[in-house]
Amino acid sequence: MPYESAPFFRRFGARLLDLAFCLLLTFVIAIPVGILLIPITLMTTEAYEGVIYGAAAWLCYFIAYVGLEVFLLIRREGQTLGKGLLGLRVVPAGQWARPRLELLPATSRMLIIFLPFVFMSLSGSNPESAVLEGIAVLGLLSLIASFFLAAVPAGKRRAVHDLATGSRVVRAAKRKIDWKNDIPMVLPGRVDLRKRP
C-alpha cells in the first residue's frame, strides 16, 4: 500500500505535542510517587536523597514517555496524540508488511528516541567524567542525525529510530483525542493493548 511521507515540520510539531502530553503525564505520575518516597528519604542520609528523587523522576518520565507512546502507537494504529492531531501515522516500512505496528518495533522505536536524552543527562550528573561526556556526545549526535534524516526528502524522511525498527511516518487522516478510550486507564492486573470496537 503506497503511503506519502510525512512533511518534516508537521512531524516535528507532532513530536513537540507528544512531548508536552508526556511531560504533563510525568507530573501526574510524579505526585503519588513523590508522596511514596517521603518515608524512604526520611530513612536515608542527605547524600542519597538527591539520587533517590532523581531516579524516581527518570522513572516517572520513562513510564510517561515510552509507556504512553508505545501504548498509543499500538492502540491507535500508529498514531500518538500529536500524530493524530496533525494527521500522521507510524507504519511498517516494508511494502508487504502489515499496516499495523507491533509491540516490539513500537517499543524499540521509543527506546531509541528516549535513550539519547538519558545519555545527555548522564554527563550532567558527573561533568568531570570523560566517559560520560563521550556517551553524552553520542546521544547528541544521534539526535542530530535523526533530525537531519527526518528533514531530508531523500530516503522518505526516515529518522534513526525509523531505520532501526523498519518503520515510517506517513500522512494519515487527522484524529481527535478521545480522552475516554485513547488514554490508558491502568487497572490492577490488566492493560489491554488491542483497539476497542
N, C-alpha and C. Protein backbone atom coordinates (compact mmCIF):
# COMPACT_ATOMS: atom_id res chain seq x y z
N MET A 1 0.85 -1.18 0.00
CA MET A 1 0.00 0.00 0.00
C MET A 1 0.89 1.24 0.00
N PRO A 2 0.76 2.14 -0.97
CA PRO A 2 1.64 3.30 -1.02
C PRO A 2 1.22 4.36 -0.01
N TYR A 3 2.21 4.89 0.69
CA TYR A 3 1.98 5.95 1.66
C TYR A 3 2.79 7.16 1.24
N GLU A 4 2.31 8.33 1.59
CA GLU A 4 3.06 9.57 1.34
C GLU A 4 3.83 9.93 2.60
N SER A 5 5.13 10.17 2.46
CA SER A 5 5.96 10.51 3.62
C SER A 5 5.46 11.77 4.30
N ALA A 6 5.62 11.80 5.60
CA ALA A 6 5.16 12.94 6.40
C ALA A 6 6.07 14.14 6.17
N PRO A 7 5.50 15.34 6.07
CA PRO A 7 6.34 16.54 5.96
C PRO A 7 7.11 16.77 7.26
N PHE A 8 8.30 17.32 7.14
CA PHE A 8 9.18 17.49 8.29
C PHE A 8 8.56 18.34 9.39
N PHE A 9 8.03 19.51 9.06
CA PHE A 9 7.54 20.41 10.10
C PHE A 9 6.30 19.86 10.80
N ARG A 10 5.48 19.13 10.09
CA ARG A 10 4.33 18.51 10.73
C ARG A 10 4.80 17.39 11.67
N ARG A 11 5.81 16.67 11.23
CA ARG A 11 6.37 15.60 12.06
C ARG A 11 7.02 16.19 13.32
N PHE A 12 7.74 17.28 13.16
CA PHE A 12 8.38 17.96 14.28
C PHE A 12 7.32 18.50 15.25
N GLY A 13 6.26 19.07 14.71
CA GLY A 13 5.17 19.57 15.56
C GLY A 13 4.50 18.46 16.34
N ALA A 14 4.31 17.31 15.70
CA ALA A 14 3.71 16.16 16.39
C ALA A 14 4.59 15.69 17.53
N ARG A 15 5.92 15.69 17.31
CA ARG A 15 6.85 15.28 18.37
C ARG A 15 6.77 16.26 19.55
N LEU A 16 6.68 17.56 19.27
CA LEU A 16 6.57 18.56 20.34
C LEU A 16 5.26 18.38 21.12
N LEU A 17 4.17 18.12 20.41
CA LEU A 17 2.89 17.86 21.10
C LEU A 17 2.98 16.62 21.97
N ASP A 18 3.59 15.56 21.44
CA ASP A 18 3.74 14.33 22.22
C ASP A 18 4.60 14.57 23.46
N LEU A 19 5.66 15.37 23.32
CA LEU A 19 6.50 15.70 24.48
C LEU A 19 5.69 16.47 25.52
N ALA A 20 4.86 17.41 25.08
CA ALA A 20 4.04 18.18 26.02
C ALA A 20 3.07 17.27 26.77
N PHE A 21 2.40 16.35 26.05
CA PHE A 21 1.50 15.41 26.71
C PHE A 21 2.25 14.53 27.71
N CYS A 22 3.44 14.08 27.32
CA CYS A 22 4.22 13.20 28.19
C CYS A 22 4.74 13.93 29.42
N LEU A 23 5.13 15.18 29.26
CA LEU A 23 5.57 15.95 30.43
C LEU A 23 4.42 16.17 31.40
N LEU A 24 3.24 16.44 30.88
CA LEU A 24 2.07 16.59 31.73
C LEU A 24 1.79 15.29 32.49
N LEU A 25 1.84 14.17 31.78
CA LEU A 25 1.63 12.87 32.42
C LEU A 25 2.72 12.57 33.44
N THR A 26 3.96 13.00 33.16
CA THR A 26 5.06 12.79 34.11
C THR A 26 4.75 13.46 35.43
N PHE A 27 4.26 14.69 35.39
CA PHE A 27 3.93 15.39 36.63
C PHE A 27 2.77 14.72 37.36
N VAL A 28 1.81 14.20 36.62
CA VAL A 28 0.69 13.49 37.25
C VAL A 28 1.19 12.23 37.95
N ILE A 29 2.10 11.50 37.30
CA ILE A 29 2.66 10.29 37.90
C ILE A 29 3.58 10.63 39.07
N ALA A 30 4.30 11.75 38.97
CA ALA A 30 5.29 12.11 39.99
C ALA A 30 4.65 12.45 41.34
N ILE A 31 3.42 12.91 41.35
CA ILE A 31 2.79 13.29 42.62
C ILE A 31 2.65 12.09 43.55
N PRO A 32 2.00 10.98 43.14
CA PRO A 32 1.92 9.85 44.07
C PRO A 32 3.28 9.21 44.35
N VAL A 33 4.16 9.19 43.33
CA VAL A 33 5.49 8.62 43.55
C VAL A 33 6.26 9.45 44.57
N GLY A 34 6.17 10.78 44.48
CA GLY A 34 6.83 11.65 45.45
C GLY A 34 6.30 11.45 46.86
N ILE A 35 5.00 11.26 46.97
CA ILE A 35 4.41 11.01 48.30
C ILE A 35 4.90 9.68 48.86
N LEU A 36 5.00 8.67 48.01
CA LEU A 36 5.50 7.37 48.46
C LEU A 36 6.98 7.42 48.85
N LEU A 37 7.74 8.34 48.26
CA LEU A 37 9.18 8.42 48.54
C LEU A 37 9.50 9.17 49.83
N ILE A 38 8.58 9.91 50.36
CA ILE A 38 8.85 10.69 51.57
C ILE A 38 9.34 9.81 52.72
N PRO A 39 8.67 8.70 53.06
CA PRO A 39 9.20 7.86 54.15
C PRO A 39 10.57 7.27 53.84
N ILE A 40 10.81 6.94 52.57
CA ILE A 40 12.10 6.36 52.19
C ILE A 40 13.21 7.38 52.38
N THR A 41 12.98 8.60 51.94
CA THR A 41 14.02 9.63 52.07
C THR A 41 14.24 10.03 53.52
N LEU A 42 13.23 9.89 54.36
CA LEU A 42 13.41 10.20 55.79
C LEU A 42 14.34 9.19 56.46
N MET A 43 14.41 7.97 55.91
CA MET A 43 15.26 6.94 56.49
C MET A 43 16.67 6.93 55.90
N THR A 44 16.92 7.73 54.87
CA THR A 44 18.25 7.76 54.25
C THR A 44 18.98 9.05 54.63
N THR A 45 20.24 9.09 54.29
CA THR A 45 21.03 10.30 54.56
C THR A 45 20.80 11.31 53.45
N GLU A 46 21.19 12.55 53.69
CA GLU A 46 21.01 13.61 52.71
C GLU A 46 21.77 13.34 51.42
N ALA A 47 22.87 12.62 51.51
CA ALA A 47 23.69 12.34 50.33
C ALA A 47 22.93 11.51 49.29
N TYR A 48 22.04 10.64 49.75
CA TYR A 48 21.30 9.77 48.82
C TYR A 48 19.93 10.33 48.45
N GLU A 49 19.49 11.38 49.12
CA GLU A 49 18.17 11.93 48.86
C GLU A 49 18.03 12.41 47.41
N GLY A 50 19.05 13.11 46.90
CA GLY A 50 19.02 13.59 45.52
C GLY A 50 19.02 12.46 44.52
N VAL A 51 19.77 11.40 44.82
CA VAL A 51 19.83 10.23 43.92
C VAL A 51 18.46 9.56 43.85
N ILE A 52 17.81 9.41 44.99
CA ILE A 52 16.51 8.75 45.04
C ILE A 52 15.48 9.56 44.24
N TYR A 53 15.44 10.87 44.48
CA TYR A 53 14.47 11.70 43.76
C TYR A 53 14.80 11.79 42.27
N GLY A 54 16.08 11.81 41.93
CA GLY A 54 16.48 11.84 40.53
C GLY A 54 16.07 10.57 39.80
N ALA A 55 16.33 9.42 40.43
CA ALA A 55 15.94 8.13 39.83
C ALA A 55 14.42 8.02 39.70
N ALA A 56 13.71 8.51 40.70
CA ALA A 56 12.24 8.47 40.64
C ALA A 56 11.71 9.37 39.53
N ALA A 57 12.33 10.53 39.36
CA ALA A 57 11.90 11.44 38.29
C ALA A 57 12.12 10.80 36.92
N TRP A 58 13.28 10.15 36.74
CA TRP A 58 13.55 9.48 35.46
C TRP A 58 12.59 8.33 35.24
N LEU A 59 12.26 7.61 36.29
CA LEU A 59 11.31 6.50 36.16
C LEU A 59 9.93 7.02 35.74
N CYS A 60 9.49 8.11 36.36
CA CYS A 60 8.19 8.70 36.01
C CYS A 60 8.19 9.15 34.55
N TYR A 61 9.28 9.79 34.13
CA TYR A 61 9.38 10.27 32.75
C TYR A 61 9.42 9.10 31.78
N PHE A 62 10.14 8.05 32.12
CA PHE A 62 10.22 6.87 31.27
C PHE A 62 8.84 6.24 31.10
N ILE A 63 8.11 6.07 32.20
CA ILE A 63 6.77 5.47 32.14
C ILE A 63 5.85 6.34 31.29
N ALA A 64 5.92 7.66 31.50
CA ALA A 64 5.04 8.56 30.77
C ALA A 64 5.38 8.61 29.29
N TYR A 65 6.67 8.75 28.98
CA TYR A 65 7.06 8.96 27.59
C TYR A 65 7.06 7.67 26.78
N VAL A 66 7.82 6.70 27.21
CA VAL A 66 7.92 5.45 26.47
C VAL A 66 6.63 4.65 26.62
N GLY A 67 6.15 4.49 27.83
CA GLY A 67 4.95 3.70 28.07
C GLY A 67 3.73 4.23 27.34
N LEU A 68 3.47 5.53 27.46
CA LEU A 68 2.29 6.11 26.82
C LEU A 68 2.39 6.02 25.30
N GLU A 69 3.55 6.36 24.76
CA GLU A 69 3.67 6.35 23.30
C GLU A 69 3.59 4.95 22.72
N VAL A 70 4.20 3.97 23.37
CA VAL A 70 4.09 2.59 22.87
C VAL A 70 2.63 2.15 22.93
N PHE A 71 1.97 2.43 24.03
CA PHE A 71 0.55 2.08 24.18
C PHE A 71 -0.27 2.70 23.06
N LEU A 72 -0.04 4.00 22.80
CA LEU A 72 -0.83 4.69 21.78
C LEU A 72 -0.48 4.24 20.37
N LEU A 73 0.80 3.98 20.10
CA LEU A 73 1.17 3.51 18.77
C LEU A 73 0.46 2.21 18.42
N ILE A 74 0.27 1.36 19.41
CA ILE A 74 -0.40 0.08 19.17
C ILE A 74 -1.92 0.27 19.20
N ARG A 75 -2.40 0.95 20.19
CA ARG A 75 -3.84 1.10 20.39
C ARG A 75 -4.51 1.95 19.32
N ARG A 76 -3.83 3.02 18.89
CA ARG A 76 -4.43 3.95 17.92
C ARG A 76 -3.88 3.73 16.51
N GLU A 77 -3.45 2.51 16.21
CA GLU A 77 -2.99 2.15 14.88
C GLU A 77 -1.89 3.07 14.36
N GLY A 78 -0.86 3.29 15.18
CA GLY A 78 0.30 4.06 14.75
C GLY A 78 0.19 5.56 14.98
N GLN A 79 -0.82 6.00 15.69
CA GLN A 79 -0.98 7.43 15.94
C GLN A 79 -0.87 7.73 17.43
N THR A 80 0.17 8.50 17.79
CA THR A 80 0.22 9.05 19.13
C THR A 80 -0.76 10.22 19.16
N LEU A 81 -0.87 10.89 20.29
CA LEU A 81 -1.81 12.01 20.37
C LEU A 81 -1.42 13.12 19.41
N GLY A 82 -0.13 13.47 19.38
CA GLY A 82 0.34 14.53 18.49
C GLY A 82 0.21 14.15 17.02
N LYS A 83 0.55 12.92 16.69
CA LYS A 83 0.46 12.47 15.30
C LYS A 83 -1.01 12.44 14.85
N GLY A 84 -1.89 12.04 15.72
CA GLY A 84 -3.31 12.03 15.37
C GLY A 84 -3.85 13.42 15.11
N LEU A 85 -3.46 14.37 15.96
CA LEU A 85 -3.94 15.75 15.78
C LEU A 85 -3.40 16.38 14.51
N LEU A 86 -2.19 16.01 14.09
CA LEU A 86 -1.58 16.62 12.91
C LEU A 86 -1.67 15.76 11.66
N GLY A 87 -2.39 14.65 11.73
CA GLY A 87 -2.62 13.84 10.54
C GLY A 87 -1.43 13.00 10.10
N LEU A 88 -0.78 12.33 11.05
CA LEU A 88 0.36 11.46 10.76
C LEU A 88 0.12 10.09 11.37
N ARG A 89 0.90 9.13 10.90
CA ARG A 89 0.77 7.76 11.40
C ARG A 89 2.10 7.04 11.21
N VAL A 90 2.45 6.16 12.14
CA VAL A 90 3.65 5.33 12.02
C VAL A 90 3.21 3.97 11.48
N VAL A 91 3.88 3.55 10.40
CA VAL A 91 3.55 2.27 9.77
C VAL A 91 4.85 1.50 9.52
N PRO A 92 4.77 0.18 9.39
CA PRO A 92 5.96 -0.58 8.98
C PRO A 92 6.38 -0.16 7.57
N ALA A 93 7.68 -0.15 7.32
CA ALA A 93 8.20 0.39 6.06
C ALA A 93 8.14 -0.60 4.90
N GLY A 94 8.10 -1.89 5.17
CA GLY A 94 8.11 -2.88 4.11
C GLY A 94 6.87 -2.82 3.23
N GLN A 95 7.06 -3.07 1.95
CA GLN A 95 5.95 -3.00 1.01
C GLN A 95 4.88 -4.04 1.33
N TRP A 96 5.29 -5.20 1.82
CA TRP A 96 4.35 -6.27 2.10
C TRP A 96 4.06 -6.43 3.59
N ALA A 97 4.51 -5.46 4.38
CA ALA A 97 4.31 -5.54 5.83
C ALA A 97 2.85 -5.28 6.20
N ARG A 98 2.48 -5.75 7.36
CA ARG A 98 1.16 -5.44 7.88
C ARG A 98 1.05 -3.93 8.09
N PRO A 99 -0.14 -3.37 7.93
CA PRO A 99 -0.26 -1.92 8.08
C PRO A 99 -0.24 -1.44 9.54
N ARG A 100 -0.08 -2.36 10.46
CA ARG A 100 -0.13 -2.03 11.89
C ARG A 100 1.24 -2.26 12.52
N LEU A 101 1.64 -1.37 13.42
CA LEU A 101 2.91 -1.50 14.14
C LEU A 101 2.72 -2.48 15.29
N GLU A 102 3.63 -3.40 15.45
CA GLU A 102 3.57 -4.41 16.51
C GLU A 102 4.28 -3.91 17.77
N LEU A 103 4.15 -4.66 18.86
CA LEU A 103 4.68 -4.25 20.16
C LEU A 103 6.21 -4.09 20.17
N LEU A 104 6.94 -5.06 19.67
CA LEU A 104 8.41 -4.99 19.70
C LEU A 104 8.96 -3.81 18.90
N PRO A 105 8.54 -3.61 17.64
CA PRO A 105 9.05 -2.43 16.92
C PRO A 105 8.63 -1.11 17.56
N ALA A 106 7.42 -1.05 18.10
CA ALA A 106 6.96 0.19 18.75
C ALA A 106 7.80 0.49 19.99
N THR A 107 8.10 -0.54 20.78
CA THR A 107 8.91 -0.35 21.99
C THR A 107 10.34 0.01 21.61
N SER A 108 10.92 -0.69 20.65
CA SER A 108 12.29 -0.39 20.22
C SER A 108 12.39 1.02 19.68
N ARG A 109 11.41 1.43 18.92
CA ARG A 109 11.38 2.78 18.34
C ARG A 109 11.42 3.84 19.44
N MET A 110 10.60 3.65 20.46
CA MET A 110 10.54 4.65 21.53
C MET A 110 11.79 4.63 22.39
N LEU A 111 12.39 3.47 22.60
CA LEU A 111 13.63 3.42 23.36
C LEU A 111 14.76 4.14 22.62
N ILE A 112 14.80 3.99 21.30
CA ILE A 112 15.83 4.67 20.51
C ILE A 112 15.62 6.18 20.56
N ILE A 113 14.39 6.63 20.61
CA ILE A 113 14.11 8.07 20.75
C ILE A 113 14.48 8.55 22.15
N PHE A 114 14.22 7.75 23.16
CA PHE A 114 14.38 8.15 24.56
C PHE A 114 15.84 8.11 25.03
N LEU A 115 16.61 7.12 24.60
CA LEU A 115 17.97 6.92 25.12
C LEU A 115 18.93 8.10 24.92
N PRO A 116 18.91 8.83 23.81
CA PRO A 116 19.82 9.98 23.71
C PRO A 116 19.63 11.01 24.82
N PHE A 117 18.39 11.19 25.26
CA PHE A 117 18.13 12.14 26.36
C PHE A 117 18.75 11.62 27.66
N VAL A 118 18.66 10.31 27.87
CA VAL A 118 19.28 9.72 29.06
C VAL A 118 20.79 9.88 28.99
N PHE A 119 21.37 9.59 27.83
CA PHE A 119 22.82 9.71 27.66
C PHE A 119 23.29 11.14 27.91
N MET A 120 22.56 12.11 27.39
CA MET A 120 22.97 13.51 27.58
C MET A 120 22.84 13.96 29.03
N SER A 121 21.85 13.44 29.73
CA SER A 121 21.68 13.84 31.13
C SER A 121 22.72 13.18 32.04
N LEU A 122 23.25 12.03 31.63
CA LEU A 122 24.26 11.36 32.45
C LEU A 122 25.51 12.22 32.62
N SER A 123 25.91 12.94 31.59
CA SER A 123 27.11 13.75 31.70
C SER A 123 26.90 14.90 32.67
N GLY A 124 25.68 15.36 32.82
CA GLY A 124 25.40 16.43 33.78
C GLY A 124 25.53 15.96 35.22
N SER A 125 25.35 14.66 35.44
CA SER A 125 25.46 14.15 36.81
C SER A 125 26.90 14.09 37.30
N ASN A 126 27.84 13.99 36.36
CA ASN A 126 29.26 13.96 36.71
C ASN A 126 30.06 14.60 35.58
N PRO A 127 30.13 15.95 35.57
CA PRO A 127 30.75 16.65 34.43
C PRO A 127 32.24 16.37 34.25
N GLU A 128 32.92 15.83 35.25
CA GLU A 128 34.36 15.56 35.13
C GLU A 128 34.67 14.25 34.43
N SER A 129 33.68 13.40 34.23
CA SER A 129 33.90 12.09 33.65
C SER A 129 33.98 12.18 32.12
N ALA A 130 35.11 11.79 31.57
CA ALA A 130 35.29 11.80 30.12
C ALA A 130 34.42 10.73 29.45
N VAL A 131 34.22 9.61 30.11
CA VAL A 131 33.40 8.53 29.56
C VAL A 131 31.95 8.99 29.43
N LEU A 132 31.42 9.59 30.50
CA LEU A 132 30.04 10.08 30.45
C LEU A 132 29.90 11.21 29.44
N GLU A 133 30.91 12.03 29.33
CA GLU A 133 30.89 13.11 28.33
C GLU A 133 30.85 12.53 26.93
N GLY A 134 31.61 11.47 26.68
CA GLY A 134 31.59 10.79 25.38
C GLY A 134 30.23 10.18 25.07
N ILE A 135 29.61 9.57 26.09
CA ILE A 135 28.27 9.00 25.91
C ILE A 135 27.26 10.10 25.60
N ALA A 136 27.40 11.24 26.26
CA ALA A 136 26.50 12.37 26.01
C ALA A 136 26.66 12.89 24.58
N VAL A 137 27.89 12.94 24.10
CA VAL A 137 28.14 13.38 22.72
C VAL A 137 27.50 12.40 21.74
N LEU A 138 27.59 11.10 22.01
CA LEU A 138 26.93 10.11 21.15
C LEU A 138 25.41 10.32 21.12
N GLY A 139 24.84 10.61 22.29
CA GLY A 139 23.40 10.89 22.35
C GLY A 139 23.04 12.12 21.53
N LEU A 140 23.84 13.17 21.64
CA LEU A 140 23.58 14.39 20.88
C LEU A 140 23.73 14.15 19.38
N LEU A 141 24.75 13.42 18.98
CA LEU A 141 24.95 13.10 17.56
C LEU A 141 23.79 12.27 17.01
N SER A 142 23.26 11.36 17.83
CA SER A 142 22.11 10.56 17.42
C SER A 142 20.89 11.45 17.17
N LEU A 143 20.66 12.43 18.05
CA LEU A 143 19.53 13.35 17.86
C LEU A 143 19.72 14.20 16.62
N ILE A 144 20.93 14.68 16.40
CA ILE A 144 21.21 15.50 15.21
C ILE A 144 21.01 14.67 13.94
N ALA A 145 21.48 13.42 13.96
CA ALA A 145 21.30 12.54 12.80
C ALA A 145 19.82 12.29 12.53
N SER A 146 19.03 12.05 13.57
CA SER A 146 17.59 11.84 13.40
C SER A 146 16.93 13.08 12.82
N PHE A 147 17.29 14.23 13.36
CA PHE A 147 16.73 15.49 12.89
C PHE A 147 17.05 15.69 11.41
N PHE A 148 18.30 15.45 11.04
CA PHE A 148 18.74 15.63 9.65
C PHE A 148 18.03 14.64 8.72
N LEU A 149 17.99 13.36 9.11
CA LEU A 149 17.35 12.35 8.26
C LEU A 149 15.86 12.59 8.08
N ALA A 150 15.21 13.13 9.13
CA ALA A 150 13.78 13.42 9.03
C ALA A 150 13.52 14.65 8.17
N ALA A 151 14.52 15.55 8.06
CA ALA A 151 14.35 16.78 7.29
C ALA A 151 14.65 16.59 5.80
N VAL A 152 15.53 15.67 5.47
CA VAL A 152 15.95 15.49 4.08
C VAL A 152 14.92 14.64 3.34
N PRO A 153 14.40 15.13 2.21
CA PRO A 153 13.38 14.37 1.49
C PRO A 153 13.86 13.04 0.92
N ALA A 154 15.14 12.92 0.60
CA ALA A 154 15.65 11.65 0.07
C ALA A 154 15.52 10.56 1.14
N GLY A 155 15.19 9.36 0.73
CA GLY A 155 15.07 8.27 1.69
C GLY A 155 13.76 8.26 2.43
N LYS A 156 12.79 9.00 1.94
CA LYS A 156 11.44 9.04 2.51
C LYS A 156 11.41 9.53 3.95
N ARG A 157 12.35 10.39 4.31
CA ARG A 157 12.39 11.05 5.62
C ARG A 157 12.29 10.05 6.78
N ARG A 158 13.17 9.08 6.78
CA ARG A 158 13.18 8.10 7.87
C ARG A 158 14.31 8.44 8.81
N ALA A 159 13.98 8.72 10.08
CA ALA A 159 14.95 9.06 11.11
C ALA A 159 15.64 7.79 11.61
N VAL A 160 16.60 7.96 12.52
CA VAL A 160 17.37 6.83 13.05
C VAL A 160 16.43 5.77 13.64
N HIS A 161 15.47 6.20 14.44
CA HIS A 161 14.56 5.24 15.06
C HIS A 161 13.68 4.52 14.02
N ASP A 162 13.36 5.20 12.91
CA ASP A 162 12.61 4.55 11.84
C ASP A 162 13.46 3.51 11.12
N LEU A 163 14.70 3.88 10.81
CA LEU A 163 15.60 2.96 10.11
C LEU A 163 15.90 1.72 10.95
N ALA A 164 16.09 1.92 12.25
CA ALA A 164 16.44 0.80 13.13
C ALA A 164 15.28 -0.17 13.34
N THR A 165 14.06 0.33 13.28
CA THR A 165 12.91 -0.53 13.58
C THR A 165 12.06 -0.86 12.36
N GLY A 166 12.45 -0.37 11.18
CA GLY A 166 11.70 -0.67 9.97
C GLY A 166 10.35 -0.01 9.93
N SER A 167 10.29 1.26 10.37
CA SER A 167 9.01 1.98 10.36
C SER A 167 9.15 3.27 9.56
N ARG A 168 8.02 3.88 9.25
CA ARG A 168 7.96 5.18 8.57
C ARG A 168 6.85 6.00 9.17
N VAL A 169 7.01 7.32 9.10
CA VAL A 169 5.93 8.23 9.50
C VAL A 169 5.33 8.76 8.20
N VAL A 170 4.02 8.58 8.06
CA VAL A 170 3.33 8.93 6.82
C VAL A 170 2.12 9.81 7.12
N ARG A 171 1.61 10.41 6.06
CA ARG A 171 0.37 11.20 6.19
C ARG A 171 -0.80 10.24 6.45
N ALA A 172 -1.75 10.70 7.24
CA ALA A 172 -2.94 9.91 7.55
C ALA A 172 -4.07 10.87 7.86
N ALA A 173 -5.23 10.33 8.08
CA ALA A 173 -6.37 11.16 8.46
C ALA A 173 -6.15 11.72 9.87
N LYS A 174 -6.54 12.97 10.07
CA LYS A 174 -6.44 13.56 11.41
C LYS A 174 -7.43 12.85 12.31
N ARG A 175 -7.06 12.80 13.58
CA ARG A 175 -7.89 12.08 14.55
C ARG A 175 -7.91 12.86 15.84
N LYS A 176 -9.09 13.16 16.32
CA LYS A 176 -9.22 13.86 17.60
C LYS A 176 -8.88 12.93 18.75
N ILE A 177 -8.59 13.51 19.89
CA ILE A 177 -8.29 12.72 21.08
C ILE A 177 -9.59 12.33 21.76
N ASP A 178 -9.78 11.05 21.94
CA ASP A 178 -10.92 10.53 22.69
C ASP A 178 -10.39 10.22 24.09
N TRP A 179 -10.55 11.15 25.00
CA TRP A 179 -9.94 11.03 26.33
C TRP A 179 -10.40 9.78 27.06
N LYS A 180 -11.60 9.33 26.79
CA LYS A 180 -12.12 8.16 27.49
C LYS A 180 -11.48 6.86 26.99
N ASN A 181 -11.25 6.75 25.68
CA ASN A 181 -10.75 5.50 25.11
C ASN A 181 -9.27 5.51 24.74
N ASP A 182 -8.69 6.68 24.45
CA ASP A 182 -7.31 6.74 23.99
C ASP A 182 -6.29 6.71 25.11
N ILE A 183 -6.60 7.31 26.23
CA ILE A 183 -5.65 7.39 27.33
C ILE A 183 -5.81 6.14 28.19
N PRO A 184 -4.70 5.45 28.49
CA PRO A 184 -4.81 4.20 29.23
C PRO A 184 -5.24 4.42 30.68
N MET A 185 -6.22 3.68 31.06
CA MET A 185 -6.60 3.64 32.46
C MET A 185 -6.08 2.32 33.00
N VAL A 186 -5.01 2.39 33.75
CA VAL A 186 -4.35 1.17 34.21
C VAL A 186 -5.08 0.66 35.44
N LEU A 187 -5.67 -0.50 35.29
CA LEU A 187 -6.34 -1.16 36.40
C LEU A 187 -5.49 -2.33 36.84
N PRO A 188 -5.49 -2.64 38.14
CA PRO A 188 -4.64 -3.74 38.61
C PRO A 188 -4.92 -5.03 37.85
N GLY A 189 -3.85 -5.60 37.30
CA GLY A 189 -3.94 -6.90 36.67
C GLY A 189 -4.23 -6.92 35.19
N ARG A 190 -4.60 -5.78 34.58
CA ARG A 190 -4.94 -5.86 33.16
C ARG A 190 -4.75 -4.54 32.44
N VAL A 191 -4.04 -4.60 31.35
CA VAL A 191 -3.94 -3.49 30.41
C VAL A 191 -4.14 -4.08 29.04
N ASP A 192 -5.16 -3.63 28.34
CA ASP A 192 -5.49 -4.18 27.03
C ASP A 192 -4.92 -3.28 25.95
N LEU A 193 -4.00 -3.81 25.13
CA LEU A 193 -3.38 -3.01 24.07
C LEU A 193 -4.17 -3.07 22.76
N ARG A 194 -5.13 -3.95 22.68
CA ARG A 194 -5.91 -4.04 21.45
C ARG A 194 -6.88 -2.86 21.33
N LYS A 195 -7.19 -2.52 20.12
CA LYS A 195 -8.13 -1.42 19.89
C LYS A 195 -9.53 -1.88 20.28
N ARG A 196 -10.22 -0.98 20.96
CA ARG A 196 -11.60 -1.31 21.34
C ARG A 196 -12.52 -1.20 20.13
N PRO A 197 -13.58 -2.03 20.08
CA PRO A 197 -14.51 -1.96 18.95
C PRO A 197 -15.33 -0.69 18.98
